[in-house]
Amino acid sequence: MSADTSHDDPEPPPEERKTVLFCPDCGYESPVTGDWETVTAGAERLLVCVDCGWVVDRRLRRRGL
């Protein structure tokens, strides 16, 4: 008896798909380096949706920047 090595998993997403952000509020999508509004708030860098104003990413800024 042989082991079944087939998988029903879907194909992994294309590389460019991995760098796309989606706005959970309105569904807008754009690459991470796309046209999101970048806002600095204290020690944080925010990526804000250009369509609805929702904060889609919030990261601490690196020191010295």
PDB file of N, CA and C in Angstrom:
ATOM      1  N   MET A   1       0.847  -1.182   0.000  1.00  0.00           N
ATOM      2  CA  MET A   1       0.000   0.000   0.000  1.00  0.00           C
ATOM      3  C   MET A   1       0.887   1.237   0.000  1.00  0.00           C
ATOM      4  N   SER A   2       0.591   2.210  -0.853  1.00  0.00           N
ATOM      5  CA  SER A   2       1.389   3.433  -0.925  1.00  0.00           C
ATOM      6  C   SER A   2       0.659   4.586  -0.244  1.00  0.00           C
ATOM      7  N   ALA A   3       1.431   5.531   0.240  1.00  0.00           N
ATOM      8  CA  ALA A   3       0.856   6.704   0.906  1.00  0.00           C
ATOM      9  C   ALA A   3       0.369   7.698  -0.147  1.00  0.00           C
ATOM     10  N   ASP A   4      -0.775   8.299   0.106  1.00  0.00           N
ATOM     11  CA  ASP A   4      -1.317   9.318  -0.801  1.00  0.00           C
ATOM     12  C   ASP A   4      -0.627  10.642  -0.508  1.00  0.00           C
ATOM     13  N   THR A   5       0.093  11.169  -1.479  1.00  0.00           N
ATOM     14  CA  THR A   5       0.831  12.424  -1.286  1.00  0.00           C
ATOM     15  C   THR A   5       0.157  13.603  -1.973  1.00  0.00           C
ATOM     16  N   SER A   6      -1.045  13.414  -2.504  1.00  0.00           N
ATOM     17  CA  SER A   6      -1.724  14.527  -3.160  1.00  0.00           C
ATOM     18  C   SER A   6      -2.315  15.466  -2.107  1.00  0.00           C
ATOM     19  N   HIS A   7      -2.468  16.726  -2.477  1.00  0.00           N
ATOM     20  CA  HIS A   7      -3.003  17.742  -1.584  1.00  0.00           C
ATOM     21  C   HIS A   7      -4.159  18.463  -2.257  1.00  0.00           C
ATOM     22  N   ASP A   8      -5.158  18.791  -1.479  1.00  0.00           N
ATOM     23  CA  ASP A   8      -6.285  19.560  -2.000  1.00  0.00           C
ATOM     24  C   ASP A   8      -6.125  21.051  -1.754  1.00  0.00           C
ATOM     25  N   ASP A   9      -4.963  21.461  -1.226  1.00  0.00           N
ATOM     26  CA  ASP A   9      -4.724  22.872  -0.934  1.00  0.00           C
ATOM     27  C   ASP A   9      -4.663  23.665  -2.234  1.00  0.00           C
ATOM     28  N   PRO A  10      -5.235  24.878  -2.228  1.00  0.00           N
ATOM     29  CA  PRO A  10      -5.133  25.715  -3.426  1.00  0.00           C
ATOM     30  C   PRO A  10      -3.696  26.169  -3.645  1.00  0.00           C
ATOM     31  N   GLU A  11      -3.438  26.583  -4.846  1.00  0.00           N
ATOM     32  CA  GLU A  11      -2.102  27.110  -5.183  1.00  0.00           C
ATOM     33  C   GLU A  11      -1.780  28.299  -4.295  1.00  0.00           C
ATOM     34  N   PRO A  12      -0.511  28.477  -3.906  1.00  0.00           N
ATOM     35  CA  PRO A  12      -0.171  29.679  -3.126  1.00  0.00           C
ATOM     36  C   PRO A  12      -0.402  30.930  -3.962  1.00  0.00           C
ATOM     37  N   PRO A  13      -0.706  32.039  -3.312  1.00  0.00           N
ATOM     38  CA  PRO A  13      -0.957  33.268  -4.070  1.00  0.00           C
ATOM     39  C   PRO A  13       0.307  33.754  -4.779  1.00  0.00           C
ATOM     40  N   PRO A  14       0.144  34.458  -5.887  1.00  0.00           N
ATOM     41  CA  PRO A  14       1.314  35.019  -6.575  1.00  0.00           C
ATOM     42  C   PRO A  14       2.052  35.994  -5.650  1.00  0.00           C
ATOM     43  N   GLU A  15       3.339  36.161  -5.880  1.00  0.00           N
ATOM     44  CA  GLU A  15       4.164  37.028  -5.027  1.00  0.00           C
ATOM     45  C   GLU A  15       3.600  38.440  -4.910  1.00  0.00           C
ATOM     46  N   GLU A  16       3.133  39.016  -6.022  1.00  0.00           N
ATOM     47  CA  GLU A  16       2.636  40.395  -5.958  1.00  0.00           C
ATOM     48  C   GLU A  16       1.371  40.502  -5.110  1.00  0.00           C
ATOM     49  N   ARG A  17       0.621  39.452  -4.977  1.00  0.00           N
ATOM     50  CA  ARG A  17      -0.600  39.446  -4.165  1.00  0.00           C
ATOM     51  C   ARG A  17      -0.259  39.568  -2.680  1.00  0.00           C
ATOM     52  N   LYS A  18       0.903  39.089  -2.267  1.00  0.00           N
ATOM     53  CA  LYS A  18       1.303  39.122  -0.863  1.00  0.00           C
ATOM     54  C   LYS A  18       1.540  40.537  -0.359  1.00  0.00           C
ATOM     55  N   THR A  19       1.818  41.472  -1.228  1.00  0.00           N
ATOM     56  CA  THR A  19       2.141  42.820  -0.795  1.00  0.00           C
ATOM     57  C   THR A  19       0.961  43.778  -0.928  1.00  0.00           C
ATOM     58  N   VAL A  20      -0.230  43.255  -1.148  1.00  0.00           N
ATOM     59  CA  VAL A  20      -1.419  44.089  -1.305  1.00  0.00           C
ATOM     60  C   VAL A  20      -2.131  44.218   0.039  1.00  0.00           C
ATOM     61  N   LEU A  21      -2.495  45.451   0.389  1.00  0.00           N
ATOM     62  CA  LEU A  21      -3.303  45.692   1.578  1.00  0.00           C
ATOM     63  C   LEU A  21      -4.741  45.918   1.144  1.00  0.00           C
ATOM     64  N   PHE A  22      -5.663  45.468   1.978  1.00  0.00           N
ATOM     65  CA  PHE A  22      -7.084  45.642   1.729  1.00  0.00           C
ATOM     66  C   PHE A  22      -7.674  46.440   2.876  1.00  0.00           C
ATOM     67  N   CYS A  23      -8.491  47.422   2.558  1.00  0.00           N
ATOM     68  CA  CYS A  23      -9.181  48.189   3.589  1.00  0.00           C
ATOM     69  C   CYS A  23     -10.382  47.368   4.067  1.00  0.00           C
ATOM     70  N   PRO A  24     -10.429  47.046   5.358  1.00  0.00           N
ATOM     71  CA  PRO A  24     -11.550  46.247   5.854  1.00  0.00           C
ATOM     72  C   PRO A  24     -12.870  47.029   5.892  1.00  0.00           C
ATOM     73  N   ASP A  25     -12.796  48.338   5.801  1.00  0.00           N
ATOM     74  CA  ASP A  25     -14.008  49.154   5.875  1.00  0.00           C
ATOM     75  C   ASP A  25     -14.710  49.279   4.525  1.00  0.00           C
ATOM     76  N   CYS A  26     -13.928  49.601   3.477  1.00  0.00           N
ATOM     77  CA  CYS A  26     -14.563  49.851   2.177  1.00  0.00           C
ATOM     78  C   CYS A  26     -14.135  48.884   1.075  1.00  0.00           C
ATOM     79  N   GLY A  27     -13.119  48.034   1.336  1.00  0.00           N
ATOM     80  CA  GLY A  27     -12.683  47.068   0.334  1.00  0.00           C
ATOM     81  C   GLY A  27     -11.630  47.571  -0.630  1.00  0.00           C
ATOM     82  N   TYR A  28     -11.207  48.834  -0.499  1.00  0.00           N
ATOM     83  CA  TYR A  28     -10.167  49.372  -1.380  1.00  0.00           C
ATOM     84  C   TYR A  28      -8.916  48.516  -1.241  1.00  0.00           C
ATOM     85  N   GLU A  29      -8.175  48.333  -2.323  1.00  0.00           N
ATOM     86  CA  GLU A  29      -6.933  47.579  -2.265  1.00  0.00           C
ATOM     87  C   GLU A  29      -5.849  48.270  -3.069  1.00  0.00           C
ATOM     88  N   SER A  30      -4.618  48.149  -2.563  1.00  0.00           N
ATOM     89  CA  SER A  30      -3.464  48.762  -3.214  1.00  0.00           C
ATOM     90  C   SER A  30      -2.208  48.117  -2.636  1.00  0.00           C
ATOM     91  N   PRO A  31      -1.115  48.083  -3.398  1.00  0.00           N
ATOM     92  CA  PRO A  31       0.125  47.551  -2.842  1.00  0.00           C
ATOM     93  C   PRO A  31       0.545  48.328  -1.598  1.00  0.00           C
ATOM     94  N   VAL A  32       1.339  47.688  -0.756  1.00  0.00           N
ATOM     95  CA  VAL A  32       1.828  48.344   0.455  1.00  0.00           C
ATOM     96  C   VAL A  32       2.514  49.658   0.104  1.00  0.00           C
ATOM     97  N   THR A  33       3.225  49.670  -0.999  1.00  0.00           N
ATOM     98  CA  THR A  33       3.927  50.877  -1.440  1.00  0.00           C
ATOM     99  C   THR A  33       3.066  51.730  -2.368  1.00  0.00           C
ATOM    100  N   GLY A  34       1.781  51.440  -2.436  1.00  0.00           N
ATOM    101  CA  GLY A  34       0.857  52.146  -3.334  1.00  0.00           C
ATOM    102  C   GLY A  34       0.467  53.518  -2.825  1.00  0.00           C
ATOM    103  N   ASP A  35      -0.774  53.894  -3.089  1.00  0.00           N
ATOM    104  CA  ASP A  35      -1.210  55.266  -2.835  1.00  0.00           C
ATOM    105  C   ASP A  35      -1.907  55.467  -1.492  1.00  0.00           C
ATOM    106  N   TRP A  36      -1.610  54.623  -0.499  1.00  0.00           N
ATOM    107  CA  TRP A  36      -2.139  54.851   0.842  1.00  0.00           C
ATOM    108  C   TRP A  36      -1.595  56.165   1.372  1.00  0.00           C
ATOM    109  N   GLU A  37      -2.377  56.871   2.156  1.00  0.00           N
ATOM    110  CA  GLU A  37      -1.884  58.086   2.795  1.00  0.00           C
ATOM    111  C   GLU A  37      -1.024  57.665   3.984  1.00  0.00           C
ATOM    112  N   THR A  38       0.178  58.202   4.079  1.00  0.00           N
ATOM    113  CA  THR A  38       1.070  57.894   5.198  1.00  0.00           C
ATOM    114  C   THR A  38       1.011  59.040   6.188  1.00  0.00           C
ATOM    115  N   VAL A  39       0.688  58.712   7.436  1.00  0.00           N
ATOM    116  CA  VAL A  39       0.546  59.705   8.491  1.00  0.00           C
ATOM    117  C   VAL A  39       1.460  59.310   9.645  1.00  0.00           C
ATOM    118  N   THR A  40       2.177  60.281  10.195  1.00  0.00           N
ATOM    119  CA  THR A  40       2.996  60.044  11.368  1.00  0.00           C
ATOM    120  C   THR A  40       2.247  60.578  12.571  1.00  0.00           C
ATOM    121  N   ALA A  41       2.046  59.701  13.564  1.00  0.00           N
ATOM    122  CA  ALA A  41       1.340  60.080  14.792  1.00  0.00           C
ATOM    123  C   ALA A  41       2.185  59.632  15.975  1.00  0.00           C
ATOM    124  N   GLY A  42       2.925  60.572  16.550  1.00  0.00           N
ATOM    125  CA  GLY A  42       3.822  60.215  17.644  1.00  0.00           C
ATOM    126  C   GLY A  42       4.903  59.275  17.153  1.00  0.00           C
ATOM    127  N   ALA A  43       4.996  58.105  17.774  1.00  0.00           N
ATOM    128  CA  ALA A  43       6.008  57.121  17.400  1.00  0.00           C
ATOM    129  C   ALA A  43       5.486  56.122  16.371  1.00  0.00           C
ATOM    130  N   GLU A  44       4.297  56.364  15.827  1.00  0.00           N
ATOM    131  CA  GLU A  44       3.693  55.434  14.887  1.00  0.00           C
ATOM    132  C   GLU A  44       3.633  55.989  13.468  1.00  0.00           C
ATOM    133  N   ARG A  45       3.702  55.051  12.523  1.00  0.00           N
ATOM    134  CA  ARG A  45       3.476  55.372  11.114  1.00  0.00           C
ATOM    135  C   ARG A  45       2.179  54.676  10.732  1.00  0.00           C
ATOM    136  N   LEU A  46       1.230  55.430  10.212  1.00  0.00           N
ATOM    137  CA  LEU A  46      -0.074  54.892   9.857  1.00  0.00           C
ATOM    138  C   LEU A  46      -0.248  54.904   8.347  1.00  0.00           C
ATOM    139  N   LEU A  47      -0.820  53.852   7.805  1.00  0.00           N
ATOM    140  CA  LEU A  47      -1.248  53.840   6.415  1.00  0.00           C
ATOM    141  C   LEU A  47      -2.760  53.967   6.440  1.00  0.00           C
ATOM    142  N   VAL A  48      -3.263  55.002   5.771  1.00  0.00           N
ATOM    143  CA  VAL A  48      -4.675  55.357   5.828  1.00  0.00           C
ATOM    144  C   VAL A  48      -5.291  55.198   4.435  1.00  0.00           C
ATOM    145  N   CYS A  49      -6.478  54.607   4.390  1.00  0.00           N
ATOM    146  CA  CYS A  49      -7.194  54.413   3.125  1.00  0.00           C
ATOM    147  C   CYS A  49      -7.531  55.767   2.508  1.00  0.00           C
ATOM    148  N   VAL A  50      -7.205  55.908   1.219  1.00  0.00           N
ATOM    149  CA  VAL A  50      -7.474  57.164   0.524  1.00  0.00           C
ATOM    150  C   VAL A  50      -8.956  57.322   0.179  1.00  0.00           C
ATOM    151  N   ASP A  51      -9.715  56.231   0.230  1.00  0.00           N
ATOM    152  CA  ASP A  51     -11.140  56.311  -0.087  1.00  0.00           C
ATOM    153  C   ASP A  51     -12.006  56.645   1.127  1.00  0.00           C
ATOM    154  N   CYS A  52     -11.716  56.012   2.280  1.00  0.00           N
ATOM    155  CA  CYS A  52     -12.628  56.171   3.414  1.00  0.00           C
ATOM    156  C   CYS A  52     -11.961  56.675   4.697  1.00  0.00           C
ATOM    157  N   GLY A  53     -10.621  56.734   4.733  1.00  0.00           N
ATOM    158  CA  GLY A  53      -9.930  57.253   5.907  1.00  0.00           C
ATOM    159  C   GLY A  53      -9.639  56.228   6.995  1.00  0.00           C
ATOM    160  N   TRP A  54      -9.943  54.960   6.761  1.00  0.00           N
ATOM    161  CA  TRP A  54      -9.695  53.897   7.737  1.00  0.00           C
ATOM    162  C   TRP A  54      -8.191  53.638   7.850  1.00  0.00           C
ATOM    163  N   VAL A  55      -7.677  53.440   9.055  1.00  0.00           N
ATOM    164  CA  VAL A  55      -6.265  53.089   9.265  1.00  0.00           C
ATOM    165  C   VAL A  55      -6.113  51.605   8.960  1.00  0.00           C
ATOM    166  N   VAL A  56      -5.383  51.273   7.899  1.00  0.00           N
ATOM    167  CA  VAL A  56      -5.228  49.879   7.489  1.00  0.00           C
ATOM    168  C   VAL A  56      -3.957  49.247   8.030  1.00  0.00           C
ATOM    169  N   ASP A  57      -2.999  50.063   8.463  1.00  0.00           N
ATOM    170  CA  ASP A  57      -1.758  49.538   9.032  1.00  0.00           C
ATOM    171  C   ASP A  57      -1.202  50.545  10.020  1.00  0.00           C
ATOM    172  N   ARG A  58      -0.715  50.037  11.130  1.00  0.00           N
ATOM    173  CA  ARG A  58      -0.152  50.883  12.183  1.00  0.00           C
ATOM    174  C   ARG A  58       1.137  50.219  12.650  1.00  0.00           C
ATOM    175  N   ARG A  59       2.247  50.928  12.505  1.00  0.00           N
ATOM    176  CA  ARG A  59       3.553  50.381  12.884  1.00  0.00           C
ATOM    177  C   ARG A  59       4.341  51.412  13.676  1.00  0.00           C
ATOM    178  N   LEU A  60       5.184  50.920  14.571  1.00  0.00           N
ATOM    179  CA  LEU A  60       6.099  51.819  15.269  1.00  0.00           C
ATOM    180  C   LEU A  60       7.186  52.236  14.289  1.00  0.00           C
ATOM    181  N   ARG A  61       7.504  53.526  14.321  1.00  0.00           N
ATOM    182  CA  ARG A  61       8.587  54.025  13.460  1.00  0.00           C
ATOM    183  C   ARG A  61       9.908  53.562  14.033  1.00  0.00           C
ATOM    184  N   ARG A  62      10.871  53.370  13.158  1.00  0.00           N
ATOM    185  CA  ARG A  62      12.219  53.034  13.609  1.00  0.00           C
ATOM    186  C   ARG A  62      12.899  54.289  14.148  1.00  0.00           C
ATOM    187  N   ARG A  63      13.715  54.111  15.145  1.00  0.00           N
ATOM    188  CA  ARG A  63      14.446  55.245  15.704  1.00  0.00           C
ATOM    189  C   ARG A  63      15.385  55.831  14.674  1.00  0.00           C
ATOM    190  N   GLY A  64      15.544  57.126  14.725  1.00  0.00           N
ATOM    191  CA  GLY A  64      16.463  57.806  13.823  1.00  0.00           C
ATOM    192  C   GLY A  64      15.856  58.165  12.480  1.00  0.00           C
ATOM    193  N   LEU A  65      14.581  57.894  12.289  1.00  0.00           N
ATOM    194  CA  LEU A  65      13.938  58.251  11.018  1.00  0.00           C
ATOM    195  C   LEU A  65      13.068  59.448  11.179  1.00  0.00           C
TER     196      LEU A  65
END
